[in-house]
Amino acid sequence: MNTGDHGESSRLRRIMLALDALNCDTALIEAAALIAAKLQAELDALFVEDDDVYTVADLPITQEISLSSARAREISGPRVEQALRCLSRDAERRFTAVIHRSRVKGRFEVTRARREEAISDAALRVDLLLLQPRERTLVRVRVRENRPPRVFVLCGQSAASRRALEIGARLAHEDHHVLEVVVAGELDAALRRELEATGLVVVVREHPAHSEVPAMLGDVDDRPGNTVLVAGDLPEGGSRAAALQGLSRMRCQVLLVN
């Protein structure tokens, strides 16, 4: 593996950024565009109108309180739909402006579904899915932090794991030159030497061969500014939905690599 080689074998074609009503501000989109530019990939955005929000809005007991009047008023499905459509249009304008400035190609898509289901479906359609952290001040937090950013890779023994390591190594070279590998099984010794030969400091934490993502996440420093790459085939079967739900709650940037 040559992490300095940007040939077709390791080049990503498409990255998808998952957005929603709470996570769609310019700083998050700019962070995603920076990753896409580093990896020479196109950046698409998927704005999810969460079906659960509509379900809650249709309950007869649901009310909202206006900040200006401090008065309660009923919430209706059409009002929620109008609010979400306004947010998605604003997000699309910000996304378009960012990719234009960054000279990254991409498109914006809106879907109505349960968030976890939409993310799980999107993860199967793209080379890499980017889940932005829940905190909305990524850039400002990075400036405050004294510790340098760290790149973590959760992997196993599959082809997707190899791609996750390649991409993680490229991103680690851009920042602190430290790659933290959390592996189910053993990391191949020759592969480790290959990574270290590029100038990276490789820190390896090995788990039992059939470990699941939640257990492996215990070795990840979950703070804004860090990046976690997860091999897309690592969560298997029924554990996949639970793993994606857990990853979407992290404060790090999370990239699912297929």
Protein backbone atom coordinates (compact mmCIF):
# COMPACT_ATOMS: atom_id res chain seq x y z
CA MET A 1 0.00 0.00 0.00
CA ASN A 2 1.42 3.35 -1.04
CA THR A 3 -0.43 6.13 0.78
CA GLY A 4 1.14 8.74 -1.46
CA ASP A 5 -0.32 7.09 -4.57
CA HIS A 6 -3.66 8.57 -5.60
CA GLY A 7 -4.27 6.03 -8.37
CA GLU A 8 -7.55 4.44 -9.29
CA SER A 9 -7.08 1.58 -6.80
CA SER A 10 -7.50 3.85 -3.78
CA ARG A 11 -9.31 6.85 -5.20
CA LEU A 12 -12.82 7.50 -3.92
CA ARG A 13 -15.46 8.54 -6.40
CA ARG A 14 -18.22 9.69 -4.08
CA ILE A 15 -18.54 10.83 -0.50
CA MET A 16 -21.97 11.44 1.00
CA LEU A 17 -22.52 13.86 3.89
CA ALA A 18 -25.51 13.10 6.14
CA LEU A 19 -27.36 16.25 7.26
CA ASP A 20 -30.50 16.89 9.27
CA ALA A 21 -32.35 19.78 10.92
CA LEU A 22 -29.86 20.00 13.80
CA ASN A 23 -26.69 19.38 11.81
CA CYS A 24 -26.55 21.46 8.64
CA ASP A 25 -24.56 24.60 9.37
CA THR A 26 -21.77 25.97 7.18
CA ALA A 27 -18.86 24.88 9.41
CA LEU A 28 -19.87 21.22 9.13
CA ILE A 29 -20.27 21.40 5.36
CA GLU A 30 -16.90 23.14 5.03
CA ALA A 31 -15.24 20.38 7.08
CA ALA A 32 -16.76 17.75 4.76
CA ALA A 33 -15.64 19.67 1.67
CA LEU A 34 -12.10 19.79 3.06
CA ILE A 35 -12.08 15.99 3.43
CA ALA A 36 -13.47 15.56 -0.10
CA ALA A 37 -10.77 17.86 -1.49
CA LYS A 38 -8.02 15.94 0.34
CA LEU A 39 -9.33 12.64 -1.03
CA GLN A 40 -10.04 14.06 -4.52
CA ALA A 41 -13.65 12.87 -4.38
CA GLU A 42 -17.07 14.29 -5.19
CA LEU A 43 -19.22 15.36 -2.22
CA ASP A 44 -22.97 14.74 -2.13
CA ALA A 45 -25.25 15.83 0.70
CA LEU A 46 -28.28 13.91 1.97
CA PHE A 47 -30.67 16.01 4.08
CA VAL A 48 -32.95 13.72 6.09
CA GLU A 49 -36.41 14.94 7.06
CA ASP A 50 -36.86 12.63 10.04
CA ASP A 51 -40.17 10.74 9.94
CA ASP A 52 -40.15 10.58 13.74
CA VAL A 53 -40.52 14.37 13.86
CA TYR A 54 -43.71 14.17 11.76
CA THR A 55 -45.03 11.38 13.98
CA VAL A 56 -44.57 13.46 17.12
CA ALA A 57 -46.11 16.52 15.44
CA ASP A 58 -49.28 14.60 14.65
CA LEU A 59 -49.88 13.61 18.27
CA PRO A 60 -52.86 15.55 19.75
CA ILE A 61 -50.93 16.40 22.93
CA THR A 62 -47.89 17.91 21.16
CA GLN A 63 -47.35 21.65 21.59
CA GLU A 64 -44.55 24.14 21.06
CA ILE A 65 -43.72 27.24 23.11
CA SER A 66 -42.82 30.43 21.29
CA LEU A 67 -39.63 32.09 22.51
CA SER A 68 -41.04 35.52 21.78
CA SER A 69 -44.42 35.17 23.50
CA ALA A 70 -43.73 32.27 25.90
CA ARG A 71 -47.15 30.90 24.89
CA ALA A 72 -47.91 27.31 23.99
CA ARG A 73 -49.44 26.53 20.62
CA GLU A 74 -50.34 23.36 18.79
CA ILE A 75 -47.93 21.79 16.33
CA SER A 76 -49.34 20.48 13.07
CA GLY A 77 -47.84 18.23 10.42
CA PRO A 78 -48.04 20.92 7.69
CA ARG A 79 -46.28 23.46 9.93
CA VAL A 80 -43.47 21.00 10.68
CA GLU A 81 -43.19 20.15 7.00
CA GLN A 82 -42.91 23.85 6.11
CA ALA A 83 -40.21 24.39 8.74
CA LEU A 84 -38.16 21.38 7.58
CA ARG A 85 -38.45 22.42 3.93
CA CYS A 86 -37.14 25.89 4.83
CA LEU A 87 -34.20 24.31 6.67
CA SER A 88 -33.42 22.00 3.76
CA ARG A 89 -33.49 24.90 1.28
CA ASP A 90 -31.17 26.93 3.51
CA ALA A 91 -28.85 23.92 3.85
CA GLU A 92 -28.82 23.46 0.07
CA ARG A 93 -27.84 27.11 -0.45
CA ARG A 94 -24.99 26.76 2.05
CA PHE A 95 -23.88 23.48 0.52
CA THR A 96 -23.87 24.96 -2.99
CA ALA A 97 -21.84 27.97 -1.85
CA VAL A 98 -19.28 25.80 -0.02
CA ILE A 99 -18.64 23.35 -2.86
CA HIS A 100 -18.36 26.27 -5.29
CA ARG A 101 -15.69 27.90 -3.10
CA SER A 102 -13.93 24.59 -2.53
CA ARG A 103 -14.07 23.60 -6.21
CA VAL A 104 -15.54 20.25 -5.24
CA LYS A 105 -18.24 18.66 -7.38
CA GLY A 106 -21.41 17.42 -5.73
CA ARG A 107 -25.18 17.42 -5.48
CA PHE A 108 -27.82 17.91 -2.76
CA GLU A 109 -30.60 15.42 -2.05
CA VAL A 110 -33.56 15.47 0.36
CA THR A 111 -35.30 12.38 1.66
CA ARG A 112 -38.08 11.76 4.19
CA ALA A 113 -37.43 8.68 6.32
CA ARG A 114 -36.36 7.62 9.79
CA ARG A 115 -32.86 8.98 10.21
CA GLU A 116 -31.20 5.66 11.06
CA GLU A 117 -32.87 3.92 8.11
CA ALA A 118 -31.87 6.67 5.68
CA ILE A 119 -28.26 6.58 6.88
CA SER A 120 -28.12 2.78 6.69
CA ASP A 121 -29.44 2.84 3.12
CA ALA A 122 -27.05 5.63 2.07
CA ALA A 123 -24.07 3.76 3.53
CA LEU A 124 -24.65 0.97 1.00
CA ARG A 125 -24.80 3.30 -2.01
CA VAL A 126 -21.60 5.32 -1.72
CA ASP A 127 -17.86 4.76 -1.30
CA LEU A 128 -17.77 6.70 1.94
CA LEU A 129 -20.51 8.11 4.21
CA LEU A 130 -19.63 11.04 6.47
CA LEU A 131 -21.61 11.41 9.72
CA GLN A 132 -20.94 14.81 11.20
CA PRO A 133 -20.53 15.20 14.98
CA ARG A 134 -23.49 16.28 17.07
CA GLU A 135 -21.71 19.42 18.26
CA ARG A 136 -22.28 22.27 15.82
CA THR A 137 -19.08 24.21 16.54
CA LEU A 138 -16.49 21.90 14.99
CA VAL A 139 -14.18 24.61 13.66
CA ARG A 140 -14.20 26.71 16.84
CA VAL A 141 -13.62 23.65 19.02
CA ARG A 142 -10.62 22.69 16.90
CA VAL A 143 -9.08 26.11 17.53
CA ARG A 144 -9.57 25.84 21.31
CA GLU A 145 -8.13 22.33 21.59
CA ASN A 146 -4.44 22.14 22.53
CA ARG A 147 -4.21 18.47 21.54
CA PRO A 148 -3.66 17.78 17.83
CA PRO A 149 -6.41 15.97 15.91
CA ARG A 150 -6.17 12.19 15.73
CA VAL A 151 -7.27 9.72 13.08
CA PHE A 152 -8.72 6.37 14.20
CA VAL A 153 -9.49 3.40 11.94
CA LEU A 154 -11.83 0.60 13.07
CA CYS A 155 -11.11 -2.36 10.84
CA GLY A 156 -10.95 -6.12 10.48
CA GLN A 157 -9.47 -8.31 7.77
CA SER A 158 -11.70 -7.40 4.78
CA ALA A 159 -11.13 -5.41 1.59
CA ALA A 160 -13.20 -2.55 3.04
CA SER A 161 -10.89 -2.58 6.08
CA ARG A 162 -7.89 -2.22 3.79
CA ARG A 163 -9.49 0.75 2.05
CA ALA A 164 -10.30 2.32 5.43
CA LEU A 165 -6.63 2.00 6.41
CA GLU A 166 -5.49 3.57 3.12
CA ILE A 167 -7.83 6.54 3.52
CA GLY A 168 -7.03 6.90 7.22
CA ALA A 169 -3.31 6.98 6.42
CA ARG A 170 -3.84 9.73 3.84
CA LEU A 171 -5.83 11.83 6.30
CA ALA A 172 -3.32 11.22 9.11
CA HIS A 173 -0.51 12.49 6.89
CA GLU A 174 -2.44 15.76 6.52
CA ASP A 175 -2.58 16.31 10.28
CA HIS A 176 -0.53 14.81 13.09
CA HIS A 177 1.17 11.84 11.35
CA VAL A 178 -0.31 9.49 13.97
CA LEU A 179 -2.67 6.71 12.88
CA GLU A 180 -4.60 4.86 15.59
CA VAL A 181 -5.71 1.42 14.39
CA VAL A 182 -8.40 -0.48 16.33
CA VAL A 183 -8.56 -3.91 14.74
CA ALA A 184 -10.74 -7.00 15.15
CA GLY A 185 -8.09 -9.70 15.05
CA GLU A 186 -4.45 -8.94 14.31
CA LEU A 187 -3.01 -6.23 12.09
CA ASP A 188 -0.77 -7.78 9.47
CA ALA A 189 2.87 -7.08 10.43
CA ALA A 190 3.91 -6.36 6.84
CA LEU A 191 1.04 -3.89 6.44
CA ARG A 192 2.06 -2.13 9.64
CA ARG A 193 5.65 -1.80 8.39
CA GLU A 194 4.33 -0.43 5.12
CA LEU A 195 2.31 2.22 6.94
CA GLU A 196 5.24 3.18 9.17
CA ALA A 197 7.58 3.40 6.17
CA THR A 198 5.56 6.40 4.96
CA GLY A 199 6.46 8.34 8.13
CA LEU A 200 3.35 7.55 10.15
CA VAL A 201 3.39 6.64 13.80
CA VAL A 202 1.03 3.65 13.97
CA VAL A 203 -0.65 2.82 17.29
CA VAL A 204 -2.45 -0.55 17.21
CA ARG A 205 -5.11 -1.82 19.62
CA GLU A 206 -6.18 -5.38 18.89
CA HIS A 207 -9.56 -6.90 19.82
CA PRO A 208 -10.87 -10.47 19.49
CA ALA A 209 -11.56 -11.43 15.87
CA HIS A 210 -15.36 -11.17 16.09
CA SER A 211 -15.58 -8.00 18.16
CA GLU A 212 -18.41 -5.60 17.38
CA VAL A 213 -18.17 -1.87 16.81
CA PRO A 214 -19.51 -0.71 20.23
CA ALA A 215 -16.76 -2.63 22.04
CA MET A 216 -14.06 -1.30 19.71
CA LEU A 217 -15.25 2.28 20.16
CA GLY A 218 -13.94 2.15 23.73
CA ASP A 219 -10.46 2.72 22.26
CA VAL A 220 -11.52 5.88 20.40
CA ASP A 221 -10.98 9.36 21.82
CA ASP A 222 -14.49 10.72 21.17
CA ARG A 223 -13.86 14.47 20.98
CA PRO A 224 -14.51 17.12 18.32
CA GLY A 225 -11.66 17.46 15.86
CA ASN A 226 -10.87 13.75 15.72
CA THR A 227 -11.83 11.54 12.78
CA VAL A 228 -12.98 7.91 12.94
CA LEU A 229 -13.03 5.70 9.86
CA VAL A 230 -15.05 2.48 10.10
CA ALA A 231 -14.89 -0.34 7.57
CA GLY A 232 -18.43 -0.53 6.18
CA ASP A 233 -18.68 -4.31 6.52
CA LEU A 234 -17.50 -4.38 10.13
CA PRO A 235 -21.00 -4.13 11.64
CA GLU A 236 -22.76 -7.26 10.38
CA GLY A 237 -26.35 -8.50 10.32
CA GLY A 238 -28.64 -7.27 13.08
CA SER A 239 -25.86 -5.33 14.77
CA ARG A 240 -25.53 -2.94 11.81
CA ALA A 241 -28.45 -0.67 12.72
CA ALA A 242 -27.34 -0.44 16.36
CA ALA A 243 -23.77 0.32 15.30
CA LEU A 244 -24.86 3.09 12.93
CA GLN A 245 -27.08 4.59 15.62
CA GLY A 246 -24.17 4.65 18.06
CA LEU A 247 -21.77 6.11 15.51
CA SER A 248 -24.22 8.90 14.64
CA ARG A 249 -24.14 10.08 18.28
CA MET A 250 -20.38 10.53 18.40
CA ARG A 251 -18.68 13.92 18.69
CA CYS A 252 -15.96 12.92 16.20
CA GLN A 253 -16.39 12.98 12.45
CA VAL A 254 -17.30 9.44 11.42
CA LEU A 255 -16.58 8.07 7.95
CA LEU A 256 -18.02 4.72 6.85
CA VAL A 257 -15.83 3.19 4.15
CA ASN A 258 -17.24 0.62 1.70
